[in-house]
N, C-alpha and C. Protein backbone atom coordinates (compact mmCIF):
# COMPACT_ATOMS: atom_id res chain seq x y z
N MET A 1 -37.75 23.35 -17.01
CA MET A 1 -37.15 21.92 -17.14
C MET A 1 -36.07 21.96 -17.87
N ALA A 2 -34.68 21.45 -17.24
CA ALA A 2 -33.26 21.49 -17.81
C ALA A 2 -33.38 20.40 -18.79
N GLU A 3 -32.89 20.44 -19.98
CA GLU A 3 -32.71 19.50 -21.15
C GLU A 3 -31.48 18.55 -20.85
N ASN A 4 -31.48 17.44 -21.00
CA ASN A 4 -30.13 16.74 -21.13
C ASN A 4 -29.37 16.81 -22.38
N LYS A 5 -28.25 17.73 -22.17
CA LYS A 5 -27.65 18.04 -23.72
C LYS A 5 -26.50 16.89 -23.86
N THR A 6 -26.38 15.74 -23.17
CA THR A 6 -25.24 14.70 -22.99
C THR A 6 -25.61 13.85 -24.44
N ARG A 7 -24.75 13.67 -25.01
CA ARG A 7 -25.21 12.67 -26.36
C ARG A 7 -25.31 11.07 -25.77
N ARG A 8 -25.83 10.22 -26.01
CA ARG A 8 -26.14 8.71 -25.40
C ARG A 8 -25.99 8.21 -26.82
N MET A 9 -24.84 7.56 -27.09
CA MET A 9 -24.77 6.99 -28.45
C MET A 9 -24.42 5.56 -28.27
N CYS A 10 -24.69 4.59 -28.90
CA CYS A 10 -24.64 3.17 -28.67
C CYS A 10 -23.25 2.86 -29.09
N PHE A 11 -22.36 3.57 -29.57
CA PHE A 11 -21.16 3.46 -30.18
C PHE A 11 -20.16 4.11 -29.04
N ASN A 12 -20.69 4.70 -27.89
CA ASN A 12 -19.63 5.35 -27.04
C ASN A 12 -18.45 4.39 -26.56
N ILE A 13 -17.31 4.86 -26.12
CA ILE A 13 -16.23 4.40 -25.72
C ILE A 13 -16.57 3.29 -24.39
N ASN A 14 -17.53 3.93 -23.79
CA ASN A 14 -18.10 2.98 -22.44
C ASN A 14 -19.36 1.68 -22.75
N GLY A 15 -19.81 2.04 -24.21
CA GLY A 15 -20.52 1.17 -24.44
C GLY A 15 -19.95 -0.06 -25.64
N LEU A 16 -20.92 -0.23 -26.57
CA LEU A 16 -20.82 -1.13 -27.31
C LEU A 16 -19.00 -1.35 -27.97
N LEU A 17 -18.85 0.23 -28.54
CA LEU A 17 -17.32 0.17 -29.06
C LEU A 17 -16.37 -0.15 -27.91
N GLY A 18 -16.71 0.18 -26.79
CA GLY A 18 -15.83 0.11 -25.84
C GLY A 18 -15.59 -1.40 -25.63
N GLY A 19 -16.68 -2.52 -25.40
CA GLY A 19 -16.56 -3.69 -25.36
C GLY A 19 -16.04 -4.55 -26.41
N ILE A 20 -16.24 -4.18 -27.53
CA ILE A 20 -15.17 -4.57 -28.66
C ILE A 20 -13.88 -4.32 -28.60
N ILE A 21 -13.54 -3.24 -28.31
CA ILE A 21 -12.19 -3.02 -28.13
C ILE A 21 -11.56 -3.91 -27.24
N ALA A 22 -12.13 -4.09 -25.96
CA ALA A 22 -11.57 -4.89 -24.99
C ALA A 22 -11.57 -6.38 -25.51
N THR A 23 -12.73 -6.64 -26.11
CA THR A 23 -12.83 -8.21 -26.56
C THR A 23 -11.33 -8.42 -27.63
N VAL A 24 -11.52 -7.55 -28.51
CA VAL A 24 -10.17 -7.71 -29.59
C VAL A 24 -8.97 -7.41 -28.93
N LEU A 25 -8.65 -6.47 -27.95
CA LEU A 25 -7.32 -6.77 -27.17
C LEU A 25 -7.10 -7.54 -26.62
N LEU A 26 -8.00 -8.39 -25.68
CA LEU A 26 -7.75 -9.71 -25.00
C LEU A 26 -7.79 -10.67 -25.71
N LEU A 27 -8.45 -10.79 -27.24
CA LEU A 27 -8.06 -11.91 -27.91
C LEU A 27 -6.78 -11.98 -28.65
N SER A 28 -6.30 -10.58 -28.82
CA SER A 28 -4.86 -10.20 -29.29
C SER A 28 -3.99 -10.63 -28.22
N VAL A 29 -3.98 -10.35 -27.23
CA VAL A 29 -3.34 -10.91 -26.12
C VAL A 29 -3.29 -12.47 -26.01
N LEU A 30 -4.27 -13.26 -26.15
CA LEU A 30 -4.33 -14.78 -26.12
C LEU A 30 -3.71 -15.14 -27.51
N VAL A 31 -3.87 -14.37 -28.56
CA VAL A 31 -3.12 -15.27 -29.68
C VAL A 31 -1.55 -15.12 -29.59
N PHE A 32 -1.40 -14.07 -28.87
CA PHE A 32 0.27 -13.60 -29.09
C PHE A 32 0.75 -14.65 -27.94
N LEU A 33 0.17 -15.23 -26.90
CA LEU A 33 0.83 -16.16 -25.78
C LEU A 33 0.77 -17.21 -26.36
N THR A 34 -0.42 -17.64 -26.95
CA THR A 34 -0.53 -18.96 -27.58
C THR A 34 0.78 -19.13 -28.69
N ILE A 35 0.93 -18.35 -29.33
CA ILE A 35 1.97 -18.39 -30.67
C ILE A 35 3.06 -18.35 -29.97
N ASN A 36 3.76 -17.64 -28.80
CA ASN A 36 5.06 -17.76 -27.98
C ASN A 36 4.94 -19.10 -27.55
N ALA A 37 3.96 -19.65 -26.66
CA ALA A 37 4.01 -20.94 -26.04
C ALA A 37 4.21 -22.18 -26.81
N ILE A 38 3.74 -22.05 -28.09
CA ILE A 38 3.88 -23.23 -29.22
C ILE A 38 5.41 -23.21 -29.55
N ALA A 39 5.84 -21.88 -29.91
CA ALA A 39 7.31 -21.77 -30.31
C ALA A 39 8.27 -22.46 -29.43
N VAL A 40 7.99 -22.02 -27.86
CA VAL A 40 8.70 -22.46 -26.80
C VAL A 40 8.62 -24.01 -26.95
N GLN A 41 7.53 -24.56 -27.06
CA GLN A 41 7.32 -25.92 -26.79
C GLN A 41 7.95 -26.70 -27.80
N GLN A 42 8.20 -26.12 -29.37
CA GLN A 42 8.71 -26.55 -30.43
C GLN A 42 10.22 -26.54 -30.34
N LYS A 43 10.35 -25.79 -29.56
CA LYS A 43 12.17 -25.43 -29.64
C LYS A 43 12.70 -26.53 -28.30
N ASN A 44 11.77 -26.40 -27.13
CA ASN A 44 12.50 -27.69 -26.28
C ASN A 44 11.96 -29.06 -26.71
N ALA A 45 10.90 -29.21 -27.56
CA ALA A 45 10.96 -30.71 -28.20
C ALA A 45 11.98 -31.38 -28.96
N THR A 46 12.87 -30.25 -29.44
CA THR A 46 13.83 -30.79 -30.49
C THR A 46 15.25 -30.61 -29.64
N THR A 47 14.94 -29.98 -28.67
CA THR A 47 16.64 -29.96 -27.70
C THR A 47 16.62 -31.26 -26.89
N PHE A 48 17.74 -31.89 -27.35
CA PHE A 48 17.97 -33.23 -26.47
C PHE A 48 19.12 -33.17 -25.61
N TYR A 49 19.03 -33.74 -24.43
CA TYR A 49 19.91 -33.66 -23.49
C TYR A 49 20.91 -35.20 -23.20
N LYS A 50 22.15 -35.23 -22.95
CA LYS A 50 22.79 -36.35 -22.68
C LYS A 50 23.26 -36.22 -21.25
N LEU A 51 22.75 -37.23 -20.70
CA LEU A 51 23.19 -37.37 -19.25
C LEU A 51 24.60 -37.90 -19.01
N ASN A 52 25.50 -37.14 -18.23
CA ASN A 52 26.98 -37.69 -17.98
C ASN A 52 27.03 -38.00 -16.40
N ASP A 53 27.50 -39.04 -16.08
CA ASP A 53 27.94 -39.32 -14.80
C ASP A 53 26.48 -39.50 -13.78
N ALA A 54 25.70 -40.40 -14.35
CA ALA A 54 24.18 -40.13 -13.65
C ALA A 54 24.38 -40.94 -12.30
N SER A 55 25.28 -41.55 -11.81
CA SER A 55 25.35 -42.21 -10.25
C SER A 55 25.88 -40.93 -9.59
N ASN A 56 26.53 -39.77 -10.05
CA ASN A 56 26.54 -38.82 -8.87
C ASN A 56 25.82 -37.80 -8.89
N ILE A 57 24.59 -37.83 -9.42
CA ILE A 57 23.21 -37.14 -9.20
C ILE A 57 22.72 -36.87 -7.94
N GLN A 58 22.36 -35.89 -7.18
CA GLN A 58 22.14 -35.62 -6.24
C GLN A 58 20.45 -35.29 -6.26
N MET A 59 19.63 -35.42 -5.17
CA MET A 59 18.23 -35.34 -5.42
C MET A 59 18.13 -33.66 -5.25
N LYS A 60 18.76 -32.85 -4.46
CA LYS A 60 18.34 -31.52 -4.20
C LYS A 60 19.54 -30.59 -4.40
N SER A 61 20.23 -30.55 -5.43
CA SER A 61 21.44 -29.70 -5.46
C SER A 61 21.78 -28.98 -6.88
N THR A 62 22.37 -27.93 -6.69
CA THR A 62 22.58 -27.01 -7.88
C THR A 62 23.77 -27.47 -8.77
N ASP A 63 24.50 -28.51 -8.47
CA ASP A 63 25.49 -28.60 -9.12
C ASP A 63 24.94 -29.90 -10.03
N ASN A 64 23.82 -30.20 -10.13
CA ASN A 64 23.44 -31.34 -11.15
C ASN A 64 23.56 -30.88 -12.58
N ILE A 65 23.46 -29.48 -12.78
CA ILE A 65 23.93 -29.07 -13.89
C ILE A 65 25.06 -29.55 -15.05
N LYS A 66 26.22 -29.78 -14.05
CA LYS A 66 26.99 -30.21 -14.42
C LYS A 66 27.11 -31.61 -15.39
N HIS A 67 26.09 -32.40 -14.85
CA HIS A 67 25.73 -33.76 -15.40
C HIS A 67 25.09 -33.54 -16.64
N TYR A 68 24.47 -32.70 -16.87
CA TYR A 68 23.45 -32.57 -18.25
C TYR A 68 24.44 -32.03 -19.47
N GLN A 69 24.09 -32.35 -20.67
CA GLN A 69 24.82 -31.57 -21.75
C GLN A 69 23.86 -31.76 -23.22
N VAL A 70 23.70 -30.45 -23.63
CA VAL A 70 22.75 -30.26 -24.74
C VAL A 70 23.48 -31.07 -25.88
N VAL A 71 22.61 -31.90 -26.82
CA VAL A 71 22.95 -32.53 -27.76
C VAL A 71 22.56 -31.65 -28.79
N LYS A 72 23.08 -31.34 -30.11
CA LYS A 72 22.62 -30.59 -31.15
C LYS A 72 22.92 -31.39 -32.42
């Protein structure tokens, strides 16, 4: 009978170690995206806009950008 000479380790890349690596990778991506989302929210929360000539704003128009001004 032929003997099975492959190594069956618990810490194989397809086993427990692979699961740990995948989990750490996914959690690091989650942390990166969360930190960037918080930074974007904080930046936009402190950016104020002034509305100029509100009577000429149309519902669907690309020219509406002319009516907004960023106040610093």
